[in-house]
Structure formats: structure tokens, C-alpha cells
PDB file of all heavy atoms in Angstrom:
ATOM      1  N   THR A   1      69.607 158.059 -23.437  1.00  0.00           N
ATOM      2  CA  THR A   1      70.638 158.916 -24.034  1.00  0.00           C
ATOM      3  C   THR A   1      71.553 158.099 -24.943  1.00  0.00           C
ATOM      4  O   THR A   1      71.865 158.502 -26.063  1.00  0.00           O
ATOM      5  CB  THR A   1      71.465 159.607 -22.943  1.00  0.00           C
ATOM      6  OG1 THR A   1      70.591 160.318 -22.067  1.00  0.00           O
ATOM      7  CG2 THR A   1      72.463 160.580 -23.542  1.00  0.00           C
ATOM      8  N   LEU A   2      71.974 156.944 -24.457  1.00  0.00           N
ATOM      9  CA  LEU A   2      72.827 156.073 -25.256  1.00  0.00           C
ATOM     10  C   LEU A   2      72.130 155.663 -26.555  1.00  0.00           C
ATOM     11  O   LEU A   2      72.752 155.626 -27.623  1.00  0.00           O
ATOM     12  CB  LEU A   2      73.210 154.823 -24.455  1.00  0.00           C
ATOM     13  CG  LEU A   2      74.228 155.039 -23.331  1.00  0.00           C
ATOM     14  CD1 LEU A   2      74.267 153.836 -22.398  1.00  0.00           C
ATOM     15  CD2 LEU A   2      75.608 155.304 -23.919  1.00  0.00           C
ATOM     16  N   ARG A   3      70.855 155.385 -26.465  1.00  0.00           N
ATOM     17  CA  ARG A   3      70.101 154.937 -27.650  1.00  0.00           C
ATOM     18  C   ARG A   3      69.899 156.056 -28.669  1.00  0.00           C
ATOM     19  O   ARG A   3      69.622 155.777 -29.840  1.00  0.00           O
ATOM     20  CB  ARG A   3      68.753 154.351 -27.222  1.00  0.00           C
ATOM     21  CG  ARG A   3      68.877 153.048 -26.427  1.00  0.00           C
ATOM     22  CD  ARG A   3      67.518 152.384 -26.221  1.00  0.00           C
ATOM     23  NE  ARG A   3      67.636 151.196 -25.371  1.00  0.00           N
ATOM     24  CZ  ARG A   3      67.297 151.169 -24.090  1.00  0.00           C
ATOM     25  NH1 ARG A   3      66.804 152.263 -23.503  1.00  0.00           N
ATOM     26  NH2 ARG A   3      67.430 150.062 -23.382  1.00  0.00           N
ATOM     27  N   THR A   4      70.030 157.304 -28.254  1.00  0.00           N
ATOM     28  CA  THR A   4      69.916 158.405 -29.211  1.00  0.00           C
ATOM     29  C   THR A   4      71.253 158.718 -29.884  1.00  0.00           C
ATOM     30  O   THR A   4      71.287 159.351 -30.937  1.00  0.00           O
ATOM     31  CB  THR A   4      69.394 159.691 -28.539  1.00  0.00           C
ATOM     32  OG1 THR A   4      70.337 160.140 -27.567  1.00  0.00           O
ATOM     33  CG2 THR A   4      68.048 159.468 -27.891  1.00  0.00           C
ATOM     34  N   LEU A   5      72.341 158.270 -29.251  1.00  0.00           N
ATOM     35  CA  LEU A   5      73.681 158.508 -29.794  1.00  0.00           C
ATOM     36  C   LEU A   5      74.157 157.365 -30.681  1.00  0.00           C
ATOM     37  O   LEU A   5      74.702 157.587 -31.772  1.00  0.00           O
ATOM     38  CB  LEU A   5      74.680 158.715 -28.653  1.00  0.00           C
ATOM     39  CG  LEU A   5      74.528 159.993 -27.826  1.00  0.00           C
ATOM     40  CD1 LEU A   5      75.315 159.873 -26.529  1.00  0.00           C
ATOM     41  CD2 LEU A   5      75.003 161.192 -28.629  1.00  0.00           C
ATOM     42  N   LEU A   6      73.973 156.137 -30.207  1.00  0.00           N
ATOM     43  CA  LEU A   6      74.481 154.959 -30.918  1.00  0.00           C
ATOM     44  C   LEU A   6      73.418 154.424 -31.874  1.00  0.00           C
ATOM     45  O   LEU A   6      72.894 153.323 -31.709  1.00  0.00           O
ATOM     46  CB  LEU A   6      74.930 153.895 -29.915  1.00  0.00           C
ATOM     47  CG  LEU A   6      76.085 154.341 -28.998  1.00  0.00           C
ATOM     48  CD1 LEU A   6      76.366 153.293 -27.929  1.00  0.00           C
ATOM     49  CD2 LEU A   6      77.345 154.622 -29.818  1.00  0.00           C
ATOM     50  N   VAL A   7      73.126 155.230 -32.878  1.00  0.00           N
ATOM     51  CA  VAL A   7      72.103 154.917 -33.870  1.00  0.00           C
ATOM     52  C   VAL A   7      72.775 154.643 -35.212  1.00  0.00           C
ATOM     53  O   VAL A   7      73.546 155.478 -35.701  1.00  0.00           O
ATOM     54  CB  VAL A   7      71.099 156.087 -34.016  1.00  0.00           C
ATOM     55  CG1 VAL A   7      70.052 155.768 -35.072  1.00  0.00           C
ATOM     56  CG2 VAL A   7      70.444 156.389 -32.679  1.00  0.00           C
ATOM     57  N   ILE A   8      72.504 153.487 -35.783  1.00  0.00           N
ATOM     58  CA  ILE A   8      73.124 153.107 -37.048  1.00  0.00           C
ATOM     59  C   ILE A   8      72.818 154.122 -38.145  1.00  0.00           C
ATOM     60  O   ILE A   8      73.708 154.563 -38.880  1.00  0.00           O
ATOM     61  CB  ILE A   8      72.643 151.702 -37.495  1.00  0.00           C
ATOM     62  CG1 ILE A   8      73.183 150.627 -36.542  1.00  0.00           C
ATOM     63  CG2 ILE A   8      73.077 151.402 -38.930  1.00  0.00           C
ATOM     64  CD1 ILE A   8      74.656 150.342 -36.675  1.00  0.00           C
ATOM     65  N   ASP A   9      71.550 154.478 -38.273  1.00  0.00           N
ATOM     66  CA  ASP A   9      71.126 155.444 -39.293  1.00  0.00           C
ATOM     67  C   ASP A   9      71.547 156.836 -38.847  1.00  0.00           C
ATOM     68  O   ASP A   9      70.964 157.414 -37.936  1.00  0.00           O
ATOM     69  CB  ASP A   9      69.607 155.374 -39.474  1.00  0.00           C
ATOM     70  CG  ASP A   9      69.106 156.271 -40.590  1.00  0.00           C
ATOM     71  OD1 ASP A   9      69.873 157.145 -41.055  1.00  0.00           O
ATOM     72  OD2 ASP A   9      67.933 156.111 -40.987  1.00  0.00           O
ATOM     73  N   ARG A  10      72.568 157.382 -39.486  1.00  0.00           N
ATOM     74  CA  ARG A  10      73.107 158.665 -39.023  1.00  0.00           C
ATOM     75  C   ARG A  10      72.119 159.809 -39.161  1.00  0.00           C
ATOM     76  O   ARG A  10      72.235 160.817 -38.474  1.00  0.00           O
ATOM     77  CB  ARG A  10      74.398 158.987 -39.781  1.00  0.00           C
ATOM     78  CG  ARG A  10      74.230 159.024 -41.286  1.00  0.00           C
ATOM     79  CD  ARG A  10      75.559 159.168 -41.959  1.00  0.00           C
ATOM     80  NE  ARG A  10      75.407 159.065 -43.407  1.00  0.00           N
ATOM     81  CZ  ARG A  10      76.364 159.347 -44.260  1.00  0.00           C
ATOM     82  NH1 ARG A  10      77.539 159.751 -43.827  1.00  0.00           N
ATOM     83  NH2 ARG A  10      76.163 159.221 -45.552  1.00  0.00           N
ATOM     84  N   SER A  11      71.123 159.663 -40.056  1.00  0.00           N
ATOM     85  CA  SER A  11      70.114 160.715 -40.199  1.00  0.00           C
ATOM     86  C   SER A  11      69.209 160.769 -38.968  1.00  0.00           C
ATOM     87  O   SER A  11      68.540 161.776 -38.724  1.00  0.00           O
ATOM     88  CB  SER A  11      69.274 160.485 -41.456  1.00  0.00           C
ATOM     89  OG  SER A  11      68.451 159.337 -41.324  1.00  0.00           O
ATOM     90  N   LYS A  12      69.193 159.683 -38.184  1.00  0.00           N
ATOM     91  CA  LYS A  12      68.379 159.628 -36.969  1.00  0.00           C
ATOM     92  C   LYS A  12      69.235 159.749 -35.704  1.00  0.00           C
ATOM     93  O   LYS A  12      68.704 159.757 -34.598  1.00  0.00           O
ATOM     94  CB  LYS A  12      67.586 158.325 -36.934  1.00  0.00           C
ATOM     95  CG  LYS A  12      66.586 158.192 -38.086  1.00  0.00           C
ATOM     96  CD  LYS A  12      65.855 156.864 -38.022  1.00  0.00           C
ATOM     97  CE  LYS A  12      64.874 156.720 -39.194  1.00  0.00           C
ATOM     98  NZ  LYS A  12      64.192 155.403 -39.176  1.00  0.00           N
ATOM     99  N   ARG A  13      70.530 159.831 -35.891  1.00  0.00           N
ATOM    100  CA  ARG A  13      71.450 159.977 -34.757  1.00  0.00           C
ATOM    101  C   ARG A  13      71.349 161.391 -34.207  1.00  0.00           C
ATOM    102  O   ARG A  13      71.327 162.356 -34.966  1.00  0.00           O
ATOM    103  CB  ARG A  13      72.881 159.679 -35.221  1.00  0.00           C
ATOM    104  CG  ARG A  13      73.900 159.439 -34.121  1.00  0.00           C
ATOM    105  CD  ARG A  13      75.259 159.094 -34.731  1.00  0.00           C
ATOM    106  NE  ARG A  13      75.172 157.932 -35.606  1.00  0.00           N
ATOM    107  CZ  ARG A  13      76.017 157.668 -36.605  1.00  0.00           C
ATOM    108  NH1 ARG A  13      77.023 158.503 -36.870  1.00  0.00           N
ATOM    109  NH2 ARG A  13      75.859 156.600 -37.349  1.00  0.00           N
ATOM    110  N   ALA A  14      71.289 161.525 -32.907  1.00  0.00           N
ATOM    111  CA  ALA A  14      71.138 162.850 -32.305  1.00  0.00           C
ATOM    112  C   ALA A  14      72.360 163.719 -32.583  1.00  0.00           C
ATOM    113  O   ALA A  14      73.489 163.238 -32.643  1.00  0.00           O
ATOM    114  CB  ALA A  14      70.935 162.719 -30.804  1.00  0.00           C
ATOM    115  N   SER A  15      72.128 164.999 -32.750  1.00  0.00           N
ATOM    116  CA  SER A  15      73.225 165.957 -32.828  1.00  0.00           C
ATOM    117  C   SER A  15      73.595 166.373 -31.415  1.00  0.00           C
ATOM    118  O   SER A  15      72.826 166.162 -30.461  1.00  0.00           O
ATOM    119  CB  SER A  15      72.803 167.186 -33.633  1.00  0.00           C
ATOM    120  OG  SER A  15      71.803 167.899 -32.926  1.00  0.00           O
ATOM    121  N   LEU A  16      74.750 166.987 -31.251  1.00  0.00           N
ATOM    122  CA  LEU A  16      75.147 167.440 -29.921  1.00  0.00           C
ATOM    123  C   LEU A  16      74.258 168.586 -29.444  1.00  0.00           C
ATOM    124  O   LEU A  16      74.055 168.767 -28.235  1.00  0.00           O
ATOM    125  CB  LEU A  16      76.620 167.853 -29.917  1.00  0.00           C
ATOM    126  CG  LEU A  16      77.608 166.706 -30.162  1.00  0.00           C
ATOM    127  CD1 LEU A  16      79.036 167.210 -30.073  1.00  0.00           C
ATOM    128  CD2 LEU A  16      77.395 165.571 -29.175  1.00  0.00           C
ATOM    129  N   LYS A  17      73.701 169.337 -30.377  1.00  0.00           N
ATOM    130  CA  LYS A  17      72.759 170.404 -30.014  1.00  0.00           C
ATOM    131  C   LYS A  17      71.534 169.813 -29.331  1.00  0.00           C
ATOM    132  O   LYS A  17      71.019 170.360 -28.352  1.00  0.00           O
ATOM    133  CB  LYS A  17      72.347 171.183 -31.265  1.00  0.00           C
ATOM    134  CG  LYS A  17      71.428 172.354 -30.989  1.00  0.00           C
ATOM    135  CD  LYS A  17      71.112 173.115 -32.265  1.00  0.00           C
ATOM    136  CE  LYS A  17      70.200 174.305 -31.982  1.00  0.00           C
ATOM    137  NZ  LYS A  17      69.880 175.058 -33.226  1.00  0.00           N
ATOM    138  N   ILE A  18      71.085 168.676 -29.845  1.00  0.00           N
ATOM    139  CA  ILE A  18      69.947 167.981 -29.228  1.00  0.00           C
ATOM    140  C   ILE A  18      70.357 167.364 -27.897  1.00  0.00           C
ATOM    141  O   ILE A  18      69.620 167.436 -26.904  1.00  0.00           O
ATOM    142  CB  ILE A  18      69.402 166.903 -30.186  1.00  0.00           C
ATOM    143  CG1 ILE A  18      68.732 167.573 -31.398  1.00  0.00           C
ATOM    144  CG2 ILE A  18      68.424 165.979 -29.477  1.00  0.00           C
ATOM    145  CD1 ILE A  18      68.303 166.605 -32.476  1.00  0.00           C
ATOM    146  N   ILE A  19      71.538 166.761 -27.860  1.00  0.00           N
ATOM    147  CA  ILE A  19      72.010 166.113 -26.638  1.00  0.00           C
ATOM    148  C   ILE A  19      72.151 167.119 -25.494  1.00  0.00           C
ATOM    149  O   ILE A  19      71.928 166.785 -24.329  1.00  0.00           O
ATOM    150  CB  ILE A  19      73.341 165.374 -26.902  1.00  0.00           C
ATOM    151  CG1 ILE A  19      73.088 164.149 -27.774  1.00  0.00           C
ATOM    152  CG2 ILE A  19      74.026 164.966 -25.600  1.00  0.00           C
ATOM    153  CD1 ILE A  19      72.172 163.109 -27.141  1.00  0.00           C
ATOM    154  N   ARG A  20      72.486 168.357 -25.800  1.00  0.00           N
ATOM    155  CA  ARG A  20      72.609 169.371 -24.754  1.00  0.00           C
ATOM    156  C   ARG A  20      71.300 169.560 -23.984  1.00  0.00           C
ATOM    157  O   ARG A  20      71.297 169.985 -22.838  1.00  0.00           O
ATOM    158  CB  ARG A  20      73.032 170.701 -25.365  1.00  0.00           C
ATOM    159  CG  ARG A  20      74.533 170.913 -25.385  1.00  0.00           C
ATOM    160  CD  ARG A  20      74.909 172.355 -25.533  1.00  0.00           C
ATOM    161  NE  ARG A  20      74.471 172.934 -26.782  1.00  0.00           N
ATOM    162  CZ  ARG A  20      73.626 173.939 -26.879  1.00  0.00           C
ATOM    163  NH1 ARG A  20      73.062 174.432 -25.790  1.00  0.00           N
ATOM    164  NH2 ARG A  20      73.300 174.448 -28.044  1.00  0.00           N
ATOM    165  N   LYS A  21      70.172 169.241 -24.636  1.00  0.00           N
ATOM    166  CA  LYS A  21      68.856 169.383 -23.992  1.00  0.00           C
ATOM    167  C   LYS A  21      68.360 168.050 -23.423  1.00  0.00           C
ATOM    168  O   LYS A  21      67.232 167.954 -22.954  1.00  0.00           O
ATOM    169  CB  LYS A  21      67.851 169.924 -25.010  1.00  0.00           C
ATOM    170  CG  LYS A  21      68.242 171.275 -25.586  1.00  0.00           C
ATOM    171  CD  LYS A  21      67.271 171.706 -26.685  1.00  0.00           C
ATOM    172  CE  LYS A  21      67.714 173.025 -27.307  1.00  0.00           C
ATOM    173  NZ  LYS A  21      66.811 173.440 -28.423  1.00  0.00           N
ATOM    174  N   ASP A  22      69.231 167.046 -23.474  1.00  0.00           N
ATOM    175  CA  ASP A  22      68.856 165.699 -23.051  1.00  0.00           C
ATOM    176  C   ASP A  22      68.478 165.659 -21.566  1.00  0.00           C
ATOM    177  O   ASP A  22      69.084 166.334 -20.723  1.00  0.00           O
ATOM    178  CB  ASP A  22      70.046 164.761 -23.316  1.00  0.00           C
ATOM    179  CG  ASP A  22      69.796 163.354 -22.831  1.00  0.00           C
ATOM    180  OD1 ASP A  22      69.099 162.611 -23.527  1.00  0.00           O
ATOM    181  OD2 ASP A  22      70.314 163.017 -21.742  1.00  0.00           O
ATOM    182  N   LYS A  23      67.463 164.872 -21.250  1.00  0.00           N
ATOM    183  CA  LYS A  23      66.945 164.787 -19.879  1.00  0.00           C
ATOM    184  C   LYS A  23      68.009 164.309 -18.905  1.00  0.00           C
ATOM    185  O   LYS A  23      68.207 164.906 -17.846  1.00  0.00           O
ATOM    186  CB  LYS A  23      65.732 163.847 -19.844  1.00  0.00           C
ATOM    187  CG  LYS A  23      65.100 163.704 -18.469  1.00  0.00           C
ATOM    188  CD  LYS A  23      63.890 162.772 -18.515  1.00  0.00           C
ATOM    189  CE  LYS A  23      63.282 162.600 -17.132  1.00  0.00           C
ATOM    190  NZ  LYS A  23      62.106 161.672 -17.162  1.00  0.00           N
ATOM    191  N   TRP A  24      68.708 163.222 -19.242  1.00  0.00           N
ATOM    192  CA  TRP A  24      69.723 162.684 -18.328  1.00  0.00           C
ATOM    193  C   TRP A  24      70.868 163.677 -18.140  1.00  0.00           C
ATOM    194  O   TRP A  24      71.330 163.911 -17.024  1.00  0.00           O
ATOM    195  CB  TRP A  24      70.265 161.358 -18.866  1.00  0.00           C
ATOM    196  CG  TRP A  24      71.345 160.778 -17.998  1.00  0.00           C
ATOM    197  CD1 TRP A  24      71.179 160.084 -16.839  1.00  0.00           C
ATOM    198  CD2 TRP A  24      72.767 160.858 -18.214  1.00  0.00           C
ATOM    199  NE1 TRP A  24      72.408 159.726 -16.312  1.00  0.00           N
ATOM    200  CE2 TRP A  24      73.395 160.181 -17.144  1.00  0.00           C
ATOM    201  CE3 TRP A  24      73.565 161.424 -19.208  1.00  0.00           C
ATOM    202  CZ2 TRP A  24      74.776 160.058 -17.028  1.00  0.00           C
ATOM    203  CZ3 TRP A  24      74.947 161.308 -19.105  1.00  0.00           C
ATOM    204  CH2 TRP A  24      75.537 160.638 -18.024  1.00  0.00           C
ATOM    205  N   LEU A  25      71.307 164.290 -19.227  1.00  0.00           N
ATOM    206  CA  LEU A  25      72.438 165.206 -19.168  1.00  0.00           C
ATOM    207  C   LEU A  25      72.135 166.413 -18.288  1.00  0.00           C
ATOM    208  O   LEU A  25      73.036 166.956 -17.641  1.00  0.00           O
ATOM    209  CB  LEU A  25      72.811 165.676 -20.579  1.00  0.00           C
ATOM    210  CG  LEU A  25      74.129 166.431 -20.709  1.00  0.00           C
ATOM    211  CD1 LEU A  25      75.296 165.505 -20.415  1.00  0.00           C
ATOM    212  CD2 LEU A  25      74.271 167.036 -22.091  1.00  0.00           C
ATOM    213  N   ASN A  26      70.888 166.813 -18.226  1.00  0.00           N
ATOM    214  CA  ASN A  26      70.515 168.028 -17.505  1.00  0.00           C
ATOM    215  C   ASN A  26      69.957 167.770 -16.115  1.00  0.00           C
ATOM    216  O   ASN A  26      69.449 168.688 -15.472  1.00  0.00           O
ATOM    217  CB  ASN A  26      69.528 168.841 -18.338  1.00  0.00           C
ATOM    218  CG  ASN A  26      70.225 169.527 -19.498  1.00  0.00           C
ATOM    219  OD1 ASN A  26      70.983 170.464 -19.310  1.00  0.00           O
ATOM    220  ND2 ASN A  26      69.999 169.041 -20.707  1.00  0.00           N
ATOM    221  N   GLN A  27      70.062 166.539 -15.663  1.00  0.00           N
ATOM    222  CA  GLN A  27      69.730 166.285 -14.260  1.00  0.00           C
ATOM    223  C   GLN A  27      70.760 166.975 -13.379  1.00  0.00           C
ATOM    224  O   GLN A  27      71.909 167.184 -13.784  1.00  0.00           O
ATOM    225  CB  GLN A  27      69.714 164.781 -13.976  1.00  0.00           C
ATOM    226  CG  GLN A  27      68.546 164.051 -14.618  1.00  0.00           C
ATOM    227  CD  GLN A  27      68.636 162.546 -14.404  1.00  0.00           C
ATOM    228  OE1 GLN A  27      69.339 162.085 -13.525  1.00  0.00           O
ATOM    229  NE2 GLN A  27      67.923 161.793 -15.228  1.00  0.00           N
ATOM    230  N   GLU A  28      70.352 167.322 -12.190  1.00  0.00           N
ATOM    231  CA  GLU A  28      71.265 168.031 -11.291  1.00  0.00           C
ATOM    232  C   GLU A  28      72.431 167.135 -10.897  1.00  0.00           C
ATOM    233  O   GLU A  28      72.246 165.995 -10.497  1.00  0.00           O
ATOM    234  CB  GLU A  28      70.530 168.502 -10.032  1.00  0.00           C
ATOM    235  CG  GLU A  28      69.597 169.671 -10.290  1.00  0.00           C
ATOM    236  CD  GLU A  28      70.324 170.888 -10.828  1.00  0.00           C
ATOM    237  OE1 GLU A  28      71.420 171.199 -10.324  1.00  0.00           O
ATOM    238  OE2 GLU A  28      69.809 171.523 -11.769  1.00  0.00           O
ATOM    239  N   SER A  29      73.630 167.683 -11.039  1.00  0.00           N
ATOM    240  CA  SER A  29      74.832 166.984 -10.597  1.00  0.00           C
ATOM    241  C   SER A  29      75.589 167.886  -9.642  1.00  0.00           C
ATOM    242  O   SER A  29      75.620 169.101  -9.812  1.00  0.00           O
ATOM    243  CB  SER A  29      75.733 166.633 -11.788  1.00  0.00           C
ATOM    244  OG  SER A  29      75.103 165.754 -12.658  1.00  0.00           O
ATOM    245  N   GLU A  30      76.199 167.298  -8.656  1.00  0.00           N
ATOM    246  CA  GLU A  30      77.006 168.083  -7.741  1.00  0.00           C
ATOM    247  C   GLU A  30      78.192 168.702  -8.482  1.00  0.00           C
ATOM    248  O   GLU A  30      78.819 168.067  -9.311  1.00  0.00           O
ATOM    249  CB  GLU A  30      77.560 167.203  -6.599  1.00  0.00           C
ATOM    250  CG  GLU A  30      76.515 166.832  -5.563  1.00  0.00           C
ATOM    251  CD  GLU A  30      77.161 166.120  -4.394  1.00  0.00           C
ATOM    252  OE1 GLU A  30      78.286 166.499  -4.026  1.00  0.00           O
ATOM    253  OE2 GLU A  30      76.537 165.185  -3.886  1.00  0.00           O
TER     254      GLU A  30
END
């Protein structure tokens, strides 16, 4: 997840729309 956000080339940097579907972000949390 960090590697998709902290990308020098902004054209390859993830959007928040993409991050919302991110595997780590959508793991079950209490």
C-alpha cells in the first residue's frame, strides 16, 4: 500500500479511489 502511494511519478501514483479497494485497507478490522 505504501509503495502505491509514495510514488515519484505522479501518473503512476494511486488515486484514493484505487486505494479504497486496496487489499490491506479492506482487511477486517475490529
